[in-house]
Amino acid sequence: MCGSASNLMIYQRPSAQSMAKSAELVNDPTYLFEKSLPFFKDGQPLQVFCPKYATPFATWAKAAFDDVGIDATQGFNSGSLIDHQFCAMKIRPGCTSRGSSELSFLQTGFKSKIVLSAGAFQSPQLLIVSGIGPAQVLSTYGINVIVDLPGLGQNMWDHVFFGPSYQVDVPTLVMLKNDLRYLFSQLLMWLFGGNEFLTNPSTDYIAVEKIPPESRSALSKTTEDDLAFVPSDWPEGELTW
């Protein structure tokens, strides 16, 4: 699940089989997708919404994904992350502005259910300084061991991100950066409640797929072994614009 500003506010739930893998690894069935789904749905006051304005390029992205044989899906929040569709985002429905953690939780006085999360790097750090983590690491820094978790903060996987750039004949995010007159007109429409470009974080349509069989021959044995560990519905490539 995402939704942060650094990820364009895109909101997705995990795949069903990846949740099953988590449940298997920690021997806890509450991590199964169907067990976790009520907690995802009971995420109030976190607001998730689709932008009222679809970017012009999204229609061409959809056509391109159809053309290369990727199927359309109903969305990315029902246990599957494969195929293509518009994205749900962490946006407030009324004013179509970002639903930040501060607005969603702190300013609403929401205190009955608090989940502290600080990202892939700082979440393990918070646990470790609290005495939860690999005992050897804790003892090295003189931290009392409350729970010995050898795997905490280990096996970090990052992803490769790259993409070509082409000039297109439809409004995109680049126009907001390069054309001050266009930016000013969009800002005025946003201020007066219009449903235009500034109500959309920009990457509103994506495709997710498995690496096609004809491309897998280029993968190394190590990569194939790593991919064999993850469940079959694990996304292997994401196409954004």
C-alpha atoms as a PDB file:
ATOM      1  CA  MET A   1       0.000   0.000   0.000  1.00  0.00           C
ATOM      2  CA  CYS A   2       1.310   3.415  -0.880  1.00  0.00           C
ATOM      3  CA  GLY A   3      -0.114   6.916  -1.090  1.00  0.00           C
ATOM      4  CA  SER A   4       2.860   9.099  -0.174  1.00  0.00           C
ATOM      5  CA  ALA A   5       3.745  12.327  -1.944  1.00  0.00           C
ATOM      6  CA  SER A   6       6.997  10.772  -3.190  1.00  0.00           C
ATOM      7  CA  ASN A   7       4.970   8.103  -5.015  1.00  0.00           C
ATOM      8  CA  LEU A   8       2.506  10.556  -6.585  1.00  0.00           C
ATOM      9  CA  MET A   9      -0.148   9.658  -3.969  1.00  0.00           C
ATOM     10  CA  ILE A  10      -0.949   6.385  -5.767  1.00  0.00           C
ATOM     11  CA  TYR A  11      -2.818   4.007  -3.427  1.00  0.00           C
ATOM     12  CA  GLN A  12      -2.645   0.233  -3.910  1.00  0.00           C
ATOM     13  CA  ARG A  13      -3.308  -2.749  -1.683  1.00  0.00           C
ATOM     14  CA  PRO A  14      -0.949  -5.765  -1.755  1.00  0.00           C
ATOM     15  CA  SER A  15      -1.662  -8.790  -3.916  1.00  0.00           C
ATOM     16  CA  ALA A  16      -3.505 -11.708  -2.326  1.00  0.00           C
ATOM     17  CA  GLN A  17      -0.677 -14.197  -2.837  1.00  0.00           C
ATOM     18  CA  SER A  18       1.981 -11.825  -1.490  1.00  0.00           C
ATOM     19  CA  MET A  19      -0.102 -11.456   1.678  1.00  0.00           C
ATOM     20  CA  ALA A  20      -0.370 -15.259   1.840  1.00  0.00           C
ATOM     21  CA  LYS A  21       3.418 -15.462   1.557  1.00  0.00           C
ATOM     22  CA  SER A  22       3.786 -12.999   4.443  1.00  0.00           C
ATOM     23  CA  ALA A  23       1.356 -15.054   6.530  1.00  0.00           C
ATOM     24  CA  GLU A  24       3.360 -18.194   5.767  1.00  0.00           C
ATOM     25  CA  LEU A  25       6.713 -16.604   6.637  1.00  0.00           C
ATOM     26  CA  VAL A  26       5.569 -15.300  10.031  1.00  0.00           C
ATOM     27  CA  ASN A  27       3.124 -18.166  10.687  1.00  0.00           C
ATOM     28  CA  ASP A  28       0.250 -15.757  11.254  1.00  0.00           C
ATOM     29  CA  PRO A  29      -2.986 -16.153   9.207  1.00  0.00           C
ATOM     30  CA  THR A  30      -4.126 -12.632  10.107  1.00  0.00           C
ATOM     31  CA  TYR A  31      -1.802 -11.423   7.339  1.00  0.00           C
ATOM     32  CA  LEU A  32      -3.950 -13.129   4.686  1.00  0.00           C
ATOM     33  CA  PHE A  33      -5.569 -10.667   2.273  1.00  0.00           C
ATOM     34  CA  GLU A  34      -9.130 -11.563   3.239  1.00  0.00           C
ATOM     35  CA  LYS A  35      -8.256 -11.169   6.929  1.00  0.00           C
ATOM     36  CA  SER A  36      -6.552  -7.812   6.370  1.00  0.00           C
ATOM     37  CA  LEU A  37      -9.147  -6.388   3.968  1.00  0.00           C
ATOM     38  CA  PRO A  38     -11.536  -5.159   6.711  1.00  0.00           C
ATOM     39  CA  PHE A  39      -8.665  -3.123   8.192  1.00  0.00           C
ATOM     40  CA  PHE A  40      -7.880  -1.622   4.785  1.00  0.00           C
ATOM     41  CA  LYS A  41     -11.549  -0.704   4.332  1.00  0.00           C
ATOM     42  CA  ASP A  42     -11.739   0.674   7.863  1.00  0.00           C
ATOM     43  CA  GLY A  43      -8.958   3.119   7.061  1.00  0.00           C
ATOM     44  CA  GLN A  44     -10.954   6.212   7.954  1.00  0.00           C
ATOM     45  CA  PRO A  45     -10.187   9.007   8.218  1.00  0.00           C
ATOM     46  CA  LEU A  46      -7.663   8.193   5.469  1.00  0.00           C
ATOM     47  CA  GLN A  47      -9.322   9.368   2.265  1.00  0.00           C
ATOM     48  CA  VAL A  48      -8.794   7.525  -1.022  1.00  0.00           C
ATOM     49  CA  PHE A  49     -10.330   8.890  -4.193  1.00  0.00           C
ATOM     50  CA  CYS A  50      -9.886   8.950  -7.961  1.00  0.00           C
ATOM     51  CA  PRO A  51      -9.049  12.341  -9.490  1.00  0.00           C
ATOM     52  CA  LYS A  52     -12.016  14.053 -11.133  1.00  0.00           C
ATOM     53  CA  TYR A  53      -9.746  15.072 -13.999  1.00  0.00           C
ATOM     54  CA  ALA A  54      -8.127  12.405 -16.188  1.00  0.00           C
ATOM     55  CA  THR A  55      -4.918  13.575 -17.813  1.00  0.00           C
ATOM     56  CA  PRO A  56      -5.098  13.657 -21.629  1.00  0.00           C
ATOM     57  CA  PHE A  57      -2.128  11.325 -21.975  1.00  0.00           C
ATOM     58  CA  ALA A  58      -3.875   8.639 -19.885  1.00  0.00           C
ATOM     59  CA  THR A  59      -6.192   7.786 -22.787  1.00  0.00           C
ATOM     60  CA  TRP A  60      -3.161   7.239 -25.032  1.00  0.00           C
ATOM     61  CA  ALA A  61      -1.441   5.170 -22.342  1.00  0.00           C
ATOM     62  CA  LYS A  62      -4.524   2.944 -22.137  1.00  0.00           C
ATOM     63  CA  ALA A  63      -4.542   2.522 -25.926  1.00  0.00           C
ATOM     64  CA  ALA A  64      -0.824   1.653 -25.892  1.00  0.00           C
ATOM     65  CA  PHE A  65      -1.239  -0.965 -23.162  1.00  0.00           C
ATOM     66  CA  ASP A  66      -4.157  -2.502 -25.062  1.00  0.00           C
ATOM     67  CA  ASP A  67      -2.062  -2.527 -28.232  1.00  0.00           C
ATOM     68  CA  VAL A  68       0.816  -4.499 -26.662  1.00  0.00           C
ATOM     69  CA  GLY A  69      -1.576  -7.080 -25.247  1.00  0.00           C
ATOM     70  CA  ILE A  70      -1.857  -6.087 -21.583  1.00  0.00           C
ATOM     71  CA  ASP A  71      -5.386  -6.650 -20.274  1.00  0.00           C
ATOM     72  CA  ALA A  72      -7.467  -4.029 -18.472  1.00  0.00           C
ATOM     73  CA  THR A  73      -8.407  -4.651 -14.841  1.00  0.00           C
ATOM     74  CA  GLN A  74     -11.078  -3.223 -12.518  1.00  0.00           C
ATOM     75  CA  GLY A  75      -8.474  -1.668 -10.219  1.00  0.00           C
ATOM     76  CA  PHE A  76      -5.504  -2.392  -7.952  1.00  0.00           C
ATOM     77  CA  ASN A  77      -7.184  -2.750  -4.574  1.00  0.00           C
ATOM     78  CA  SER A  78      -8.918  -6.137  -4.770  1.00  0.00           C
ATOM     79  CA  GLY A  79      -5.951  -8.466  -4.350  1.00  0.00           C
ATOM     80  CA  SER A  80      -4.431  -8.258  -7.833  1.00  0.00           C
ATOM     81  CA  LEU A  81      -1.833  -5.812  -9.130  1.00  0.00           C
ATOM     82  CA  ILE A  82      -1.518  -7.137 -12.680  1.00  0.00           C
ATOM     83  CA  ASP A  83      -2.840  -5.441 -15.896  1.00  0.00           C
ATOM     84  CA  HIS A  84      -3.733  -1.760 -16.469  1.00  0.00           C
ATOM     85  CA  GLN A  85      -6.212   0.787 -15.113  1.00  0.00           C
ATOM     86  CA  PHE A  86      -6.621   4.232 -13.562  1.00  0.00           C
ATOM     87  CA  CYS A  87      -5.146   4.578 -10.047  1.00  0.00           C
ATOM     88  CA  ALA A  88      -6.870   5.374  -6.806  1.00  0.00           C
ATOM     89  CA  MET A  89      -5.003   8.105  -4.947  1.00  0.00           C
ATOM     90  CA  LYS A  90      -4.776   9.604  -1.469  1.00  0.00           C
ATOM     91  CA  ILE A  91      -6.886  12.603  -2.409  1.00  0.00           C
ATOM     92  CA  ARG A  92      -9.629  14.368  -0.445  1.00  0.00           C
ATOM     93  CA  PRO A  93     -12.890  14.120  -2.451  1.00  0.00           C
ATOM     94  CA  GLY A  94     -14.187  17.595  -1.631  1.00  0.00           C
ATOM     95  CA  CYS A  95     -11.319  19.841  -2.624  1.00  0.00           C
ATOM     96  CA  THR A  96      -9.288  17.206  -4.549  1.00  0.00           C
ATOM     97  CA  SER A  97      -6.136  18.112  -2.631  1.00  0.00           C
ATOM     98  CA  ARG A  98      -3.677  15.738  -1.039  1.00  0.00           C
ATOM     99  CA  GLY A  99      -4.982  13.775   1.962  1.00  0.00           C
ATOM    100  CA  SER A 100      -1.797  13.964   4.016  1.00  0.00           C
ATOM    101  CA  SER A 101      -1.173  12.058   7.243  1.00  0.00           C
ATOM    102  CA  GLU A 102      -1.519  15.315   9.172  1.00  0.00           C
ATOM    103  CA  LEU A 103      -4.915  16.117   7.645  1.00  0.00           C
ATOM    104  CA  SER A 104      -6.156  12.531   7.842  1.00  0.00           C
ATOM    105  CA  PHE A 105      -5.116  11.716  11.392  1.00  0.00           C
ATOM    106  CA  LEU A 106      -3.567  14.481  13.492  1.00  0.00           C
ATOM    107  CA  GLN A 107      -5.996  17.300  12.691  1.00  0.00           C
ATOM    108  CA  THR A 108      -9.019  15.007  13.035  1.00  0.00           C
ATOM    109  CA  GLY A 109      -7.986  13.880  16.502  1.00  0.00           C
ATOM    110  CA  PHE A 110      -7.965  10.254  15.368  1.00  0.00           C
ATOM    111  CA  LYS A 111      -6.330   8.397  18.257  1.00  0.00           C
ATOM    112  CA  SER A 112      -8.081   5.045  18.637  1.00  0.00           C
ATOM    113  CA  LYS A 113      -5.968   3.229  16.015  1.00  0.00           C
ATOM    114  CA  ILE A 114      -2.437   4.417  15.346  1.00  0.00           C
ATOM    115  CA  VAL A 115       0.057   2.588  13.117  1.00  0.00           C
ATOM    116  CA  LEU A 116       3.520   4.136  13.194  1.00  0.00           C
ATOM    117  CA  SER A 117       5.272   3.771   9.860  1.00  0.00           C
ATOM    118  CA  ALA A 118       8.398   5.607   8.725  1.00  0.00           C
ATOM    119  CA  GLY A 119       9.228   3.935   5.429  1.00  0.00           C
ATOM    120  CA  ALA A 120      11.508   1.104   4.369  1.00  0.00           C
ATOM    121  CA  PHE A 121      14.587   2.543   6.104  1.00  0.00           C
ATOM    122  CA  GLN A 122      13.296   4.390   9.158  1.00  0.00           C
ATOM    123  CA  SER A 123      10.670   1.840  10.263  1.00  0.00           C
ATOM    124  CA  PRO A 124      13.333  -0.792  11.108  1.00  0.00           C
ATOM    125  CA  GLN A 125      15.404   1.968  12.717  1.00  0.00           C
ATOM    126  CA  LEU A 126      12.517   2.968  15.010  1.00  0.00           C
ATOM    127  CA  LEU A 127      12.032  -0.635  16.065  1.00  0.00           C
ATOM    128  CA  ILE A 128      15.751  -1.168  16.666  1.00  0.00           C
ATOM    129  CA  VAL A 129      16.173   1.913  18.878  1.00  0.00           C
ATOM    130  CA  SER A 130      13.114   0.635  20.772  1.00  0.00           C
ATOM    131  CA  GLY A 131      14.831  -2.683  21.489  1.00  0.00           C
ATOM    132  CA  ILE A 132      13.231  -4.770  18.734  1.00  0.00           C
ATOM    133  CA  GLY A 133      15.583  -6.229  16.134  1.00  0.00           C
ATOM    134  CA  PRO A 134      18.701  -8.386  15.703  1.00  0.00           C
ATOM    135  CA  ALA A 135      20.171  -8.952  19.180  1.00  0.00           C
ATOM    136  CA  GLN A 136      23.722  -8.565  17.860  1.00  0.00           C
ATOM    137  CA  VAL A 137      22.947  -5.123  16.426  1.00  0.00           C
ATOM    138  CA  LEU A 138      21.138  -4.035  19.601  1.00  0.00           C
ATOM    139  CA  SER A 139      23.972  -5.115  21.877  1.00  0.00           C
ATOM    140  CA  THR A 140      26.547  -3.380  19.660  1.00  0.00           C
ATOM    141  CA  TYR A 141      24.867  -0.053  20.390  1.00  0.00           C
ATOM    142  CA  GLY A 142      24.029  -0.779  24.006  1.00  0.00           C
ATOM    143  CA  ILE A 143      20.283  -1.123  23.443  1.00  0.00           C
ATOM    144  CA  ASN A 144      18.370  -3.476  25.728  1.00  0.00           C
ATOM    145  CA  VAL A 145      16.920  -6.429  23.799  1.00  0.00           C
ATOM    146  CA  ILE A 146      13.141  -6.570  24.161  1.00  0.00           C
ATOM    147  CA  VAL A 147      12.521  -8.850  21.167  1.00  0.00           C
ATOM    148  CA  ASP A 148      15.259 -10.583  19.154  1.00  0.00           C
ATOM    149  CA  LEU A 149      14.240 -10.357  15.478  1.00  0.00           C
ATOM    150  CA  PRO A 150      17.266 -11.376  13.362  1.00  0.00           C
ATOM    151  CA  GLY A 151      15.602 -10.538  10.034  1.00  0.00           C
ATOM    152  CA  LEU A 152      14.514  -6.998  10.876  1.00  0.00           C
ATOM    153  CA  GLY A 153      16.062  -4.432   8.540  1.00  0.00           C
ATOM    154  CA  GLN A 154      17.696  -7.140   6.403  1.00  0.00           C
ATOM    155  CA  ASN A 155      17.248  -8.276   2.783  1.00  0.00           C
ATOM    156  CA  MET A 156      16.323  -4.848   1.427  1.00  0.00           C
ATOM    157  CA  TRP A 157      15.339  -5.011  -2.254  1.00  0.00           C
ATOM    158  CA  ASP A 158      15.223  -1.904  -4.411  1.00  0.00           C
ATOM    159  CA  HIS A 159      13.894  -1.609  -7.947  1.00  0.00           C
ATOM    160  CA  VAL A 160      15.329  -0.255 -11.174  1.00  0.00           C
ATOM    161  CA  PHE A 161      13.619   2.830 -12.601  1.00  0.00           C
ATOM    162  CA  PHE A 162      14.302   4.138 -16.092  1.00  0.00           C
ATOM    163  CA  GLY A 163      12.434   5.498 -19.080  1.00  0.00           C
ATOM    164  CA  PRO A 164      12.785   7.239 -22.434  1.00  0.00           C
ATOM    165  CA  SER A 165      11.404  10.736 -23.037  1.00  0.00           C
ATOM    166  CA  TYR A 166       9.455  11.804 -26.112  1.00  0.00           C
ATOM    167  CA  GLN A 167       7.723  15.015 -27.085  1.00  0.00           C
ATOM    168  CA  VAL A 168       3.938  14.608 -27.315  1.00  0.00           C
ATOM    169  CA  ASP A 169       1.147  16.864 -28.504  1.00  0.00           C
ATOM    170  CA  VAL A 170      -1.075  16.750 -25.391  1.00  0.00           C
ATOM    171  CA  PRO A 171      -0.827  18.639 -22.064  1.00  0.00           C
ATOM    172  CA  THR A 172       1.456  16.894 -19.568  1.00  0.00           C
ATOM    173  CA  LEU A 173       3.168  17.738 -16.294  1.00  0.00           C
ATOM    174  CA  VAL A 174       6.063  19.233 -18.268  1.00  0.00           C
ATOM    175  CA  MET A 175       3.782  22.033 -19.504  1.00  0.00           C
ATOM    176  CA  LEU A 176       3.213  23.130 -15.901  1.00  0.00           C
ATOM    177  CA  LYS A 177       6.973  23.455 -15.501  1.00  0.00           C
ATOM    178  CA  ASN A 178       7.787  25.096 -18.802  1.00  0.00           C
ATOM    179  CA  ASP A 179       4.758  27.279 -19.599  1.00  0.00           C
ATOM    180  CA  LEU A 180       4.068  29.884 -16.889  1.00  0.00           C
ATOM    181  CA  ARG A 181       0.900  31.086 -18.608  1.00  0.00           C
ATOM    182  CA  TYR A 182      -0.507  27.561 -18.654  1.00  0.00           C
ATOM    183  CA  LEU A 183       0.513  27.032 -15.024  1.00  0.00           C
ATOM    184  CA  PHE A 184      -1.197  30.277 -13.976  1.00  0.00           C
ATOM    185  CA  SER A 185      -4.427  29.365 -15.808  1.00  0.00           C
ATOM    186  CA  GLN A 186      -4.471  25.933 -14.168  1.00  0.00           C
ATOM    187  CA  LEU A 187      -3.785  27.467 -10.752  1.00  0.00           C
ATOM    188  CA  LEU A 188      -6.750  29.831 -11.139  1.00  0.00           C
ATOM    189  CA  MET A 189      -9.060  26.973 -12.106  1.00  0.00           C
ATOM    190  CA  TRP A 190      -7.883  24.954  -9.105  1.00  0.00           C
ATOM    191  CA  LEU A 191      -8.379  27.880  -6.709  1.00  0.00           C
ATOM    192  CA  PHE A 192     -11.945  28.383  -7.922  1.00  0.00           C
ATOM    193  CA  GLY A 193     -12.931  24.726  -7.737  1.00  0.00           C
ATOM    194  CA  GLY A 194     -12.282  23.602 -11.281  1.00  0.00           C
ATOM    195  CA  ASN A 195     -11.501  19.988 -12.139  1.00  0.00           C
ATOM    196  CA  GLU A 196      -8.332  20.535 -14.103  1.00  0.00           C
ATOM    197  CA  PHE A 197      -4.690  19.455 -14.173  1.00  0.00           C
ATOM    198  CA  LEU A 198      -3.718  20.519 -10.642  1.00  0.00           C
ATOM    199  CA  THR A 199      -6.347  18.203  -9.134  1.00  0.00           C
ATOM    200  CA  ASN A 200      -4.429  15.214 -10.531  1.00  0.00           C
ATOM    201  CA  PRO A 201      -0.909  14.177  -9.341  1.00  0.00           C
ATOM    202  CA  SER A 202      -0.209  13.317 -13.042  1.00  0.00           C
ATOM    203  CA  THR A 203       0.603   9.585 -13.174  1.00  0.00           C
ATOM    204  CA  ASP A 204      -3.016   8.475 -13.063  1.00  0.00           C
ATOM    205  CA  TYR A 205      -2.857   5.454 -15.389  1.00  0.00           C
ATOM    206  CA  ILE A 206      -0.397   2.570 -15.052  1.00  0.00           C
ATOM    207  CA  ALA A 207       0.164  -0.980 -16.212  1.00  0.00           C
ATOM    208  CA  VAL A 208       1.731  -3.780 -14.189  1.00  0.00           C
ATOM    209  CA  GLU A 209       2.836  -7.073 -15.710  1.00  0.00           C
ATOM    210  CA  LYS A 210       4.943 -10.194 -15.389  1.00  0.00           C
ATOM    211  CA  ILE A 211       8.126 -10.228 -17.464  1.00  0.00           C
ATOM    212  CA  PRO A 212       7.082 -11.797 -20.796  1.00  0.00           C
ATOM    213  CA  PRO A 213       8.456 -15.321 -21.473  1.00  0.00           C
ATOM    214  CA  GLU A 214      10.401 -14.125 -24.523  1.00  0.00           C
ATOM    215  CA  SER A 215      12.309 -11.674 -22.316  1.00  0.00           C
ATOM    216  CA  ARG A 216      13.096 -14.033 -19.445  1.00  0.00           C
ATOM    217  CA  SER A 217      15.944 -15.745 -21.324  1.00  0.00           C
ATOM    218  CA  ALA A 218      18.111 -12.681 -20.622  1.00  0.00           C
ATOM    219  CA  LEU A 219      17.700 -13.040 -16.844  1.00  0.00           C
ATOM    220  CA  SER A 220      20.568 -14.413 -14.785  1.00  0.00           C
ATOM    221  CA  LYS A 221      20.252 -17.612 -12.739  1.00  0.00           C
ATOM    222  CA  THR A 222      20.386 -15.514  -9.534  1.00  0.00           C
ATOM    223  CA  THR A 223      17.541 -13.297 -10.750  1.00  0.00           C
ATOM    224  CA  GLU A 224      15.444 -16.316 -11.723  1.00  0.00           C
ATOM    225  CA  ASP A 225      16.026 -17.860  -8.297  1.00  0.00           C
ATOM    226  CA  ASP A 226      15.011 -14.607  -6.579  1.00  0.00           C
ATOM    227  CA  LEU A 227      11.827 -14.369  -8.662  1.00  0.00           C
ATOM    228  CA  ALA A 228      11.020 -18.020  -7.933  1.00  0.00           C
ATOM    229  CA  PHE A 229      10.823 -17.138  -4.222  1.00  0.00           C
ATOM    230  CA  VAL A 230       8.010 -14.616  -4.650  1.00  0.00           C
ATOM    231  CA  PRO A 231       4.391 -15.677  -5.340  1.00  0.00           C
ATOM    232  CA  SER A 232       3.052 -16.054  -8.863  1.00  0.00           C
ATOM    233  CA  ASP A 233       0.950 -12.857  -8.704  1.00  0.00           C
ATOM    234  CA  TRP A 234       3.988 -10.766  -7.728  1.00  0.00           C
ATOM    235  CA  PRO A 235       4.355  -7.757 -10.106  1.00  0.00           C
ATOM    236  CA  GLU A 236       7.645  -7.812 -12.014  1.00  0.00           C
ATOM    237  CA  GLY A 237       7.359  -4.660 -14.082  1.00  0.00           C
ATOM    238  CA  GLU A 238       5.380  -1.418 -13.869  1.00  0.00           C
ATOM    239  CA  LEU A 239       4.777   0.860 -16.821  1.00  0.00           C
ATOM    240  CA  THR A 240       4.100   4.492 -15.949  1.00  0.00           C
ATOM    241  CA  TRP A 241       4.242   7.700 -17.905  1.00  0.00           C
END
